[in-house]
Amino acid sequence: TQETFYKAFTTNASFRGEANAVTWLCSIARNLF
């Protein structure tokens, strides 16, 4: 979870706004898992 938010913070350019923020964060978390 911590790594997810770190990655979201450092690579926010990948968030295009097409999905809900929680969906975007959960997809990052799933990939990290």
Full PDB file with SEQRES, HELIX, SHEET, SSBOND, CRYST1, ORIGX, SCALE, CONECT and MASTER records, all heavy atoms in Angstrom:
SEQRES   1 A   33  THR GLN GLU THR PHE TYR LYS ALA PHE THR THR ASN ALA          
SEQRES   2 A   33  SER PHE ARG GLY GLU ALA ASN ALA VAL THR TRP LEU CYS          
SEQRES   3 A   33  SER ILE ALA ARG ASN LEU PHE                                  
HELIX    1 AA1 GLN A    2  THR A   10  1                                   9    
HELIX    2 AA2 ASN A   12  SER A   14  5                                   3    
HELIX    3 AA3 ALA A   21  LEU A   32  1                                  12    
CRYST1    1.000    1.000    1.000  90.00  90.00  90.00 P 1           1          
ORIGX1      1.000000  0.000000  0.000000        0.00000                         
ORIGX2      0.000000  1.000000  0.000000        0.00000                         
ORIGX3      0.000000  0.000000  1.000000        0.00000                         
SCALE1      1.000000  0.000000  0.000000        0.00000                         
SCALE2      0.000000  1.000000  0.000000        0.00000                         
SCALE3      0.000000  0.000000  1.000000        0.00000                         
ATOM      1  N   THR A   1       0.836  -1.200   0.000  1.00  0.00           N  
ATOM      2  CA  THR A   1       0.000   0.000   0.000  1.00  0.00           C  
ATOM      3  C   THR A   1       0.872   1.253   0.000  1.00  0.00           C  
ATOM      4  O   THR A   1       0.623   2.196  -0.761  1.00  0.00           O  
ATOM      5  CB  THR A   1      -0.962   0.006   1.204  1.00  0.00           C  
ATOM      6  OG1 THR A   1      -1.769  -1.177   1.145  1.00  0.00           O  
ATOM      7  CG2 THR A   1      -1.862   1.225   1.194  1.00  0.00           C  
ATOM      8  N   GLN A   2       1.896   1.263   0.838  1.00  0.00           N  
ATOM      9  CA  GLN A   2       2.807   2.412   0.874  1.00  0.00           C  
ATOM     10  C   GLN A   2       3.510   2.582  -0.470  1.00  0.00           C  
ATOM     11  O   GLN A   2       3.630   3.698  -0.979  1.00  0.00           O  
ATOM     12  CB  GLN A   2       3.846   2.245   1.991  1.00  0.00           C  
ATOM     13  CG  GLN A   2       3.270   2.335   3.378  1.00  0.00           C  
ATOM     14  CD  GLN A   2       2.644   3.691   3.663  1.00  0.00           C  
ATOM     15  OE1 GLN A   2       3.078   4.723   3.197  1.00  0.00           O  
ATOM     16  NE2 GLN A   2       1.565   3.667   4.427  1.00  0.00           N  
ATOM     17  N   GLU A   3       3.958   1.483  -1.039  1.00  0.00           N  
ATOM     18  CA  GLU A   3       4.643   1.534  -2.329  1.00  0.00           C  
ATOM     19  C   GLU A   3       3.683   2.017  -3.431  1.00  0.00           C  
ATOM     20  O   GLU A   3       4.095   2.728  -4.350  1.00  0.00           O  
ATOM     21  CB  GLU A   3       5.208   0.158  -2.678  1.00  0.00           C  
ATOM     22  CG  GLU A   3       6.189   0.178  -3.805  1.00  0.00           C  
ATOM     23  CD  GLU A   3       6.883  -1.160  -4.008  1.00  0.00           C  
ATOM     24  OE1 GLU A   3       6.940  -1.977  -3.067  1.00  0.00           O  
ATOM     25  OE2 GLU A   3       7.365  -1.373  -5.126  1.00  0.00           O  
ATOM     26  N   THR A   4       2.417   1.645  -3.319  1.00  0.00           N  
ATOM     27  CA  THR A   4       1.404   2.082  -4.287  1.00  0.00           C  
ATOM     28  C   THR A   4       1.289   3.600  -4.296  1.00  0.00           C  
ATOM     29  O   THR A   4       1.318   4.234  -5.354  1.00  0.00           O  
ATOM     30  CB  THR A   4       0.028   1.461  -3.947  1.00  0.00           C  
ATOM     31  OG1 THR A   4       0.125   0.045  -4.045  1.00  0.00           O  
ATOM     32  CG2 THR A   4      -1.052   1.978  -4.877  1.00  0.00           C  
ATOM     33  N   PHE A   5       1.177   4.187  -3.108  1.00  0.00           N  
ATOM     34  CA  PHE A   5       1.044   5.641  -3.040  1.00  0.00           C  
ATOM     35  C   PHE A   5       2.336   6.344  -3.448  1.00  0.00           C  
ATOM     36  O   PHE A   5       2.293   7.404  -4.077  1.00  0.00           O  
ATOM     37  CB  PHE A   5       0.568   6.075  -1.650  1.00  0.00           C  
ATOM     38  CG  PHE A   5      -0.900   5.866  -1.470  1.00  0.00           C  
ATOM     39  CD1 PHE A   5      -1.382   4.732  -0.837  1.00  0.00           C  
ATOM     40  CD2 PHE A   5      -1.816   6.793  -1.953  1.00  0.00           C  
ATOM     41  CE1 PHE A   5      -2.747   4.527  -0.689  1.00  0.00           C  
ATOM     42  CE2 PHE A   5      -3.183   6.603  -1.808  1.00  0.00           C  
ATOM     43  CZ  PHE A   5      -3.646   5.464  -1.171  1.00  0.00           C  
ATOM     44  N   TYR A   6       3.464   5.753  -3.136  1.00  0.00           N  
ATOM     45  CA  TYR A   6       4.741   6.327  -3.570  1.00  0.00           C  
ATOM     46  C   TYR A   6       4.816   6.338  -5.092  1.00  0.00           C  
ATOM     47  O   TYR A   6       5.160   7.355  -5.703  1.00  0.00           O  
ATOM     48  CB  TYR A   6       5.920   5.539  -2.986  1.00  0.00           C  
ATOM     49  CG  TYR A   6       7.245   6.018  -3.515  1.00  0.00           C  
ATOM     50  CD1 TYR A   6       7.809   7.200  -3.050  1.00  0.00           C  
ATOM     51  CD2 TYR A   6       7.920   5.304  -4.497  1.00  0.00           C  
ATOM     52  CE1 TYR A   6       9.022   7.663  -3.553  1.00  0.00           C  
ATOM     53  CE2 TYR A   6       9.119   5.752  -5.007  1.00  0.00           C  
ATOM     54  CZ  TYR A   6       9.672   6.928  -4.531  1.00  0.00           C  
ATOM     55  OH  TYR A   6      10.859   7.390  -5.034  1.00  0.00           O  
ATOM     56  N   LYS A   7       4.453   5.216  -5.689  1.00  0.00           N  
ATOM     57  CA  LYS A   7       4.493   5.121  -7.143  1.00  0.00           C  
ATOM     58  C   LYS A   7       3.484   6.088  -7.772  1.00  0.00           C  
ATOM     59  O   LYS A   7       3.783   6.731  -8.778  1.00  0.00           O  
ATOM     60  CB  LYS A   7       4.205   3.691  -7.585  1.00  0.00           C  
ATOM     61  CG  LYS A   7       4.468   3.445  -9.032  1.00  0.00           C  
ATOM     62  CD  LYS A   7       4.471   1.963  -9.349  1.00  0.00           C  
ATOM     63  CE  LYS A   7       4.908   1.760 -10.774  1.00  0.00           C  
ATOM     64  NZ  LYS A   7       5.071   0.362 -11.095  1.00  0.00           N  
ATOM     65  N   ALA A   8       2.304   6.198  -7.166  1.00  0.00           N  
ATOM     66  CA  ALA A   8       1.294   7.129  -7.678  1.00  0.00           C  
ATOM     67  C   ALA A   8       1.805   8.562  -7.609  1.00  0.00           C  
ATOM     68  O   ALA A   8       1.569   9.361  -8.522  1.00  0.00           O  
ATOM     69  CB  ALA A   8      -0.002   6.985  -6.888  1.00  0.00           C  
ATOM     70  N   PHE A   9       2.501   8.890  -6.545  1.00  0.00           N  
ATOM     71  CA  PHE A   9       3.019  10.244  -6.357  1.00  0.00           C  
ATOM     72  C   PHE A   9       4.139  10.556  -7.343  1.00  0.00           C  
ATOM     73  O   PHE A   9       4.195  11.631  -7.916  1.00  0.00           O  
ATOM     74  CB  PHE A   9       3.510  10.439  -4.932  1.00  0.00           C  
ATOM     75  CG  PHE A   9       4.041  11.819  -4.648  1.00  0.00           C  
ATOM     76  CD1 PHE A   9       3.188  12.912  -4.625  1.00  0.00           C  
ATOM     77  CD2 PHE A   9       5.385  12.024  -4.429  1.00  0.00           C  
ATOM     78  CE1 PHE A   9       3.667  14.186  -4.378  1.00  0.00           C  
ATOM     79  CE2 PHE A   9       5.876  13.304  -4.173  1.00  0.00           C  
ATOM     80  CZ  PHE A   9       5.015  14.385  -4.153  1.00  0.00           C  
ATOM     81  N   THR A  10       5.016   9.579  -7.555  1.00  0.00           N  
ATOM     82  CA  THR A  10       6.181   9.824  -8.396  1.00  0.00           C  
ATOM     83  C   THR A  10       5.900   9.647  -9.888  1.00  0.00           C  
ATOM     84  O   THR A  10       6.654  10.156 -10.706  1.00  0.00           O  
ATOM     85  CB  THR A  10       7.355   8.911  -7.994  1.00  0.00           C  
ATOM     86  OG1 THR A  10       6.943   7.546  -8.090  1.00  0.00           O  
ATOM     87  CG2 THR A  10       7.821   9.237  -6.591  1.00  0.00           C  
ATOM     88  N   THR A  11       4.833   8.946 -10.229  1.00  0.00           N  
ATOM     89  CA  THR A  11       4.534   8.713 -11.651  1.00  0.00           C  
ATOM     90  C   THR A  11       3.120   9.167 -11.991  1.00  0.00           C  
ATOM     91  O   THR A  11       2.426   8.516 -12.761  1.00  0.00           O  
ATOM     92  CB  THR A  11       4.692   7.226 -12.013  1.00  0.00           C  
ATOM     93  OG1 THR A  11       3.777   6.464 -11.238  1.00  0.00           O  
ATOM     94  CG2 THR A  11       6.097   6.743 -11.817  1.00  0.00           C  
ATOM     95  N   ASN A  12       2.691  10.269 -11.428  1.00  0.00           N  
ATOM     96  CA  ASN A  12       1.322  10.727 -11.628  1.00  0.00           C  
ATOM     97  C   ASN A  12       1.001  11.052 -13.078  1.00  0.00           C  
ATOM     98  O   ASN A  12      -0.155  11.178 -13.439  1.00  0.00           O  
ATOM     99  CB  ASN A  12       1.003  11.918 -10.738  1.00  0.00           C  
ATOM    100  CG  ASN A  12       1.754  13.162 -11.150  1.00  0.00           C  
ATOM    101  OD1 ASN A  12       2.836  13.084 -11.700  1.00  0.00           O  
ATOM    102  ND2 ASN A  12       1.174  14.308 -10.880  1.00  0.00           N  
ATOM    103  N   ALA A  13       1.987  11.158 -13.909  1.00  0.00           N  
ATOM    104  CA  ALA A  13       1.724  11.448 -15.317  1.00  0.00           C  
ATOM    105  C   ALA A  13       0.958  10.305 -15.984  1.00  0.00           C  
ATOM    106  O   ALA A  13       0.282  10.510 -16.977  1.00  0.00           O  
ATOM    107  CB  ALA A  13       3.042  11.690 -16.046  1.00  0.00           C  
ATOM    108  N   SER A  14       1.041   9.096 -15.426  1.00  0.00           N  
ATOM    109  CA  SER A  14       0.345   7.958 -16.030  1.00  0.00           C  
ATOM    110  C   SER A  14      -1.149   7.972 -15.722  1.00  0.00           C  
ATOM    111  O   SER A  14      -1.905   7.241 -16.340  1.00  0.00           O  
ATOM    112  CB  SER A  14       0.968   6.639 -15.553  1.00  0.00           C  
ATOM    113  OG  SER A  14       0.722   6.458 -14.177  1.00  0.00           O  
ATOM    114  N   PHE A  15      -1.586   8.804 -14.798  1.00  0.00           N  
ATOM    115  CA  PHE A  15      -3.014   8.899 -14.478  1.00  0.00           C  
ATOM    116  C   PHE A  15      -3.655   9.863 -15.463  1.00  0.00           C  
ATOM    117  O   PHE A  15      -3.428  11.058 -15.432  1.00  0.00           O  
ATOM    118  CB  PHE A  15      -3.232   9.374 -13.038  1.00  0.00           C  
ATOM    119  CG  PHE A  15      -4.685   9.425 -12.650  1.00  0.00           C  
ATOM    120  CD1 PHE A  15      -5.464   8.284 -12.693  1.00  0.00           C  
ATOM    121  CD2 PHE A  15      -5.275  10.610 -12.253  1.00  0.00           C  
ATOM    122  CE1 PHE A  15      -6.799   8.314 -12.331  1.00  0.00           C  
ATOM    123  CE2 PHE A  15      -6.618  10.658 -11.897  1.00  0.00           C  
ATOM    124  CZ  PHE A  15      -7.376   9.499 -11.939  1.00  0.00           C  
ATOM    125  N   ARG A  16      -4.466   9.289 -16.366  1.00  0.00           N  
ATOM    126  CA  ARG A  16      -5.063  10.080 -17.436  1.00  0.00           C  
ATOM    127  C   ARG A  16      -6.438  10.610 -17.064  1.00  0.00           C  
ATOM    128  O   ARG A  16      -7.051  11.321 -17.826  1.00  0.00           O  
ATOM    129  CB  ARG A  16      -5.140   9.229 -18.699  1.00  0.00           C  
ATOM    130  CG  ARG A  16      -3.776   8.786 -19.199  1.00  0.00           C  
ATOM    131  CD  ARG A  16      -3.898   7.969 -20.458  1.00  0.00           C  
ATOM    132  NE  ARG A  16      -4.737   6.801 -20.295  1.00  0.00           N  
ATOM    133  CZ  ARG A  16      -4.301   5.577 -20.034  1.00  0.00           C  
ATOM    134  NH1 ARG A  16      -3.017   5.359 -19.898  1.00  0.00           N  
ATOM    135  NH2 ARG A  16      -5.133   4.566 -19.911  1.00  0.00           N  
ATOM    136  N   GLY A  17      -6.951  10.221 -15.910  1.00  0.00           N  
ATOM    137  CA  GLY A  17      -8.262  10.687 -15.495  1.00  0.00           C  
ATOM    138  C   GLY A  17      -9.403   9.916 -16.139  1.00  0.00           C  
ATOM    139  O   GLY A  17     -10.554  10.259 -15.964  1.00  0.00           O  
ATOM    140  N   GLU A  18      -9.082   8.854 -16.903  1.00  0.00           N  
ATOM    141  CA  GLU A  18     -10.120   8.061 -17.557  1.00  0.00           C  
ATOM    142  C   GLU A  18     -10.823   7.148 -16.558  1.00  0.00           C  
ATOM    143  O   GLU A  18     -11.961   6.771 -16.763  1.00  0.00           O  
ATOM    144  CB  GLU A  18      -9.512   7.214 -18.675  1.00  0.00           C  
ATOM    145  CG  GLU A  18      -8.941   8.055 -19.806  1.00  0.00           C  
ATOM    146  CD  GLU A  18      -8.158   7.234 -20.802  1.00  0.00           C  
ATOM    147  OE1 GLU A  18      -8.091   6.005 -20.672  1.00  0.00           O  
ATOM    148  OE2 GLU A  18      -7.593   7.840 -21.733  1.00  0.00           O  
ATOM    149  N   ALA A  19     -10.138   6.787 -15.510  1.00  0.00           N  
ATOM    150  CA  ALA A  19     -10.699   5.910 -14.495  1.00  0.00           C  
ATOM    151  C   ALA A  19     -10.791   6.667 -13.178  1.00  0.00           C  
ATOM    152  O   ALA A  19     -10.171   7.708 -12.995  1.00  0.00           O  
ATOM    153  CB  ALA A  19      -9.814   4.673 -14.318  1.00  0.00           C  
ATOM    154  N   ASN A  20     -11.538   6.088 -12.267  1.00  0.00           N  
ATOM    155  CA  ASN A  20     -11.644   6.634 -10.928  1.00  0.00           C  
ATOM    156  C   ASN A  20     -10.281   6.497 -10.250  1.00  0.00           C  
ATOM    157  O   ASN A  20      -9.545   5.549 -10.515  1.00  0.00           O  
ATOM    158  CB  ASN A  20     -12.715   5.847 -10.175  1.00  0.00           C  
ATOM    159  CG  ASN A  20     -13.048   6.441  -8.844  1.00  0.00           C  
ATOM    160  OD1 ASN A  20     -12.170   6.670  -8.021  1.00  0.00           O  
ATOM    161  ND2 ASN A  20     -14.325   6.680  -8.636  1.00  0.00           N  
ATOM    162  N   ALA A  21      -9.944   7.405  -9.368  1.00  0.00           N  
ATOM    163  CA  ALA A  21      -8.640   7.378  -8.694  1.00  0.00           C  
ATOM    164  C   ALA A  21      -8.435   6.084  -7.920  1.00  0.00           C  
ATOM    165  O   ALA A  21      -7.339   5.517  -7.937  1.00  0.00           O  
ATOM    166  CB  ALA A  21      -8.495   8.578  -7.770  1.00  0.00           C  
ATOM    167  N   VAL A  22      -9.475   5.585  -7.249  1.00  0.00           N  
ATOM    168  CA  VAL A  22      -9.312   4.357  -6.469  1.00  0.00           C  
ATOM    169  C   VAL A  22      -9.060   3.160  -7.394  1.00  0.00           C  
ATOM    170  O   VAL A  22      -8.284   2.262  -7.067  1.00  0.00           O  
ATOM    171  CB  VAL A  22     -10.517   4.108  -5.523  1.00  0.00           C  
ATOM    172  CG1 VAL A  22     -11.763   3.694  -6.272  1.00  0.00           C  
ATOM    173  CG2 VAL A  22     -10.165   3.060  -4.476  1.00  0.00           C  
ATOM    174  N   THR A  23      -9.668   3.162  -8.572  1.00  0.00           N  
ATOM    175  CA  THR A  23      -9.423   2.094  -9.541  1.00  0.00           C  
ATOM    176  C   THR A  23      -7.980   2.141 -10.017  1.00  0.00           C  
ATOM    177  O   THR A  23      -7.311   1.110 -10.126  1.00  0.00           O  
ATOM    178  CB  THR A  23     -10.379   2.232 -10.743  1.00  0.00           C  
ATOM    179  OG1 THR A  23     -11.720   2.274 -10.262  1.00  0.00           O  
ATOM    180  CG2 THR A  23     -10.229   1.075 -11.706  1.00  0.00           C  
ATOM    181  N   TRP A  24      -7.496   3.333 -10.301  1.00  0.00           N  
ATOM    182  CA  TRP A  24      -6.111   3.518 -10.719  1.00  0.00           C  
ATOM    183  C   TRP A  24      -5.151   3.042  -9.629  1.00  0.00           C  
ATOM    184  O   TRP A  24      -4.206   2.299  -9.893  1.00  0.00           O  
ATOM    185  CB  TRP A  24      -5.891   4.992 -11.045  1.00  0.00           C  
ATOM    186  CG  TRP A  24      -4.486   5.381 -11.386  1.00  0.00           C  
ATOM    187  CD1 TRP A  24      -3.731   4.929 -12.421  1.00  0.00           C  
ATOM    188  CD2 TRP A  24      -3.669   6.327 -10.689  1.00  0.00           C  
ATOM    189  NE1 TRP A  24      -2.499   5.535 -12.423  1.00  0.00           N  
ATOM    190  CE2 TRP A  24      -2.436   6.402 -11.367  1.00  0.00           C  
ATOM    191  CE3 TRP A  24      -3.875   7.127  -9.573  1.00  0.00           C  
ATOM    192  CZ2 TRP A  24      -1.410   7.234 -10.957  1.00  0.00           C  
ATOM    193  CZ3 TRP A  24      -2.853   7.964  -9.175  1.00  0.00           C  
ATOM    194  CH2 TRP A  24      -1.631   8.019  -9.854  1.00  0.00           C  
ATOM    195  N   LEU A  25      -5.414   3.433  -8.390  1.00  0.00           N  
ATOM    196  CA  LEU A  25      -4.553   3.030  -7.274  1.00  0.00           C  
ATOM    197  C   LEU A  25      -4.584   1.519  -7.067  1.00  0.00           C  
ATOM    198  O   LEU A  25      -3.546   0.895  -6.830  1.00  0.00           O  
ATOM    199  CB  LEU A  25      -4.974   3.752  -5.993  1.00  0.00           C  
ATOM    200  CG  LEU A  25      -4.699   5.255  -5.964  1.00  0.00           C  
ATOM    201  CD1 LEU A  25      -5.416   5.908  -4.791  1.00  0.00           C  
ATOM    202  CD2 LEU A  25      -3.203   5.528  -5.906  1.00  0.00           C  
ATOM    203  N   CYS A  26      -5.759   0.917  -7.171  1.00  0.00           N  
ATOM    204  CA  CYS A  26      -5.866  -0.540  -6.989  1.00  0.00           C  
ATOM    205  C   CYS A  26      -5.164  -1.293  -8.108  1.00  0.00           C  
ATOM    206  O   CYS A  26      -4.598  -2.356  -7.875  1.00  0.00           O  
ATOM    207  CB  CYS A  26      -7.329  -0.965  -6.878  1.00  0.00           C  
ATOM    208  SG  CYS A  26      -8.063  -0.543  -5.285  1.00  0.00           S  
ATOM    209  N   SER A  27      -5.171  -0.750  -9.315  1.00  0.00           N  
ATOM    210  CA  SER A  27      -4.450  -1.431 -10.401  1.00  0.00           C  
ATOM    211  C   SER A  27      -2.944  -1.344 -10.171  1.00  0.00           C  
ATOM    212  O   SER A  27      -2.217  -2.311 -10.438  1.00  0.00           O  
ATOM    213  CB  SER A  27      -4.834  -0.865 -11.761  1.00  0.00           C  
ATOM    214  OG  SER A  27      -4.391   0.449 -11.905  1.00  0.00           O  
ATOM    215  N   ILE A  28      -2.466  -0.225  -9.656  1.00  0.00           N  
ATOM    216  CA  ILE A  28      -1.044  -0.117  -9.289  1.00  0.00           C  
ATOM    217  C   ILE A  28      -0.727  -1.140  -8.201  1.00  0.00           C  
ATOM    218  O   ILE A  28       0.264  -1.864  -8.275  1.00  0.00           O  
ATOM    219  CB  ILE A  28      -0.692   1.306  -8.807  1.00  0.00           C  
ATOM    220  CG1 ILE A  28      -0.804   2.316  -9.945  1.00  0.00           C  
ATOM    221  CG2 ILE A  28       0.718   1.340  -8.192  1.00  0.00           C  
ATOM    222  CD1 ILE A  28      -0.685   3.771  -9.497  1.00  0.00           C  
ATOM    223  N   ALA A  29      -1.589  -1.207  -7.195  1.00  0.00           N  
ATOM    224  CA  ALA A  29      -1.375  -2.139  -6.075  1.00  0.00           C  
ATOM    225  C   ALA A  29      -1.364  -3.581  -6.563  1.00  0.00           C  
ATOM    226  O   ALA A  29      -0.527  -4.384  -6.138  1.00  0.00           O  
ATOM    227  CB  ALA A  29      -2.459  -1.941  -5.013  1.00  0.00           C  
ATOM    228  N   ARG A  30      -2.301  -3.924  -7.439  1.00  0.00           N  
ATOM    229  CA  ARG A  30      -2.354  -5.298  -7.962  1.00  0.00           C  
ATOM    230  C   ARG A  30      -1.063  -5.637  -8.699  1.00  0.00           C  
ATOM    231  O   ARG A  30      -0.494  -6.716  -8.516  1.00  0.00           O  
ATOM    232  CB  ARG A  30      -3.556  -5.477  -8.882  1.00  0.00           C  
ATOM    233  CG  ARG A  30      -3.651  -6.898  -9.446  1.00  0.00           C  
ATOM    234  CD  ARG A  30      -4.836  -7.129 -10.347  1.00  0.00           C  
ATOM    235  NE  ARG A  30      -4.806  -6.195 -11.463  1.00  0.00           N  
ATOM    236  CZ  ARG A  30      -5.840  -5.517 -11.886  1.00  0.00           C  
ATOM    237  NH1 ARG A  30      -7.012  -5.648 -11.307  1.00  0.00           N  
ATOM    238  NH2 ARG A  30      -5.730  -4.690 -12.904  1.00  0.00           N  
ATOM    239  N   ASN A  31      -0.581  -4.706  -9.533  1.00  0.00           N  
ATOM    240  CA  ASN A  31       0.671  -4.949 -10.258  1.00  0.00           C  
ATOM    241  C   ASN A  31       1.850  -5.115  -9.305  1.00  0.00           C  
ATOM    242  O   ASN A  31       2.706  -5.984  -9.508  1.00  0.00           O  
ATOM    243  CB  ASN A  31       0.934  -3.816 -11.250  1.00  0.00           C  
ATOM    244  CG  ASN A  31      -0.068  -3.815 -12.385  1.00  0.00           C  
ATOM    245  OD1 ASN A  31      -0.689  -4.830 -12.692  1.00  0.00           O  
ATOM    246  ND2 ASN A  31      -0.243  -2.663 -13.005  1.00  0.00           N  
ATOM    247  N   LEU A  32       1.901  -4.299  -8.271  1.00  0.00           N  
ATOM    248  CA  LEU A  32       2.979  -4.418  -7.282  1.00  0.00           C  
ATOM    249  C   LEU A  32       2.888  -5.748  -6.536  1.00  0.00           C  
ATOM    250  O   LEU A  32       3.911  -6.384  -6.255  1.00  0.00           O  
ATOM    251  CB  LEU A  32       2.936  -3.252  -6.294  1.00  0.00           C  
ATOM    252  CG  LEU A  32       3.314  -1.884  -6.875  1.00  0.00           C  
ATOM    253  CD1 LEU A  32       3.005  -0.781  -5.879  1.00  0.00           C  
ATOM    254  CD2 LEU A  32       4.784  -1.861  -7.279  1.00  0.00           C  
ATOM    255  N   PHE A  33       1.669  -6.177  -6.216  1.00  0.00           N  
ATOM    256  CA  PHE A  33       1.475  -7.465  -5.546  1.00  0.00           C  
ATOM    257  C   PHE A  33       1.954  -8.611  -6.430  1.00  0.00           C  
ATOM    258  O   PHE A  33       2.664  -9.505  -5.965  1.00  0.00           O  
ATOM    259  CB  PHE A  33       0.001  -7.660  -5.168  1.00  0.00           C  
ATOM    260  CG  PHE A  33      -0.298  -9.025  -4.626  1.00  0.00           C  
ATOM    261  CD1 PHE A  33       0.084  -9.372  -3.343  1.00  0.00           C  
ATOM    262  CD2 PHE A  33      -0.940  -9.970  -5.407  1.00  0.00           C  
ATOM    263  CE1 PHE A  33      -0.172 -10.638  -2.832  1.00  0.00           C  
ATOM    264  CE2 PHE A  33      -1.204 -11.237  -4.911  1.00  0.00           C  
ATOM    265  CZ  PHE A  33      -0.820 -11.568  -3.627  1.00  0.00           C  
TER     266      PHE A  33                                                      
MASTER        0    0    0    3    0    0    0    6  265    1    0    3          
END                                                                             
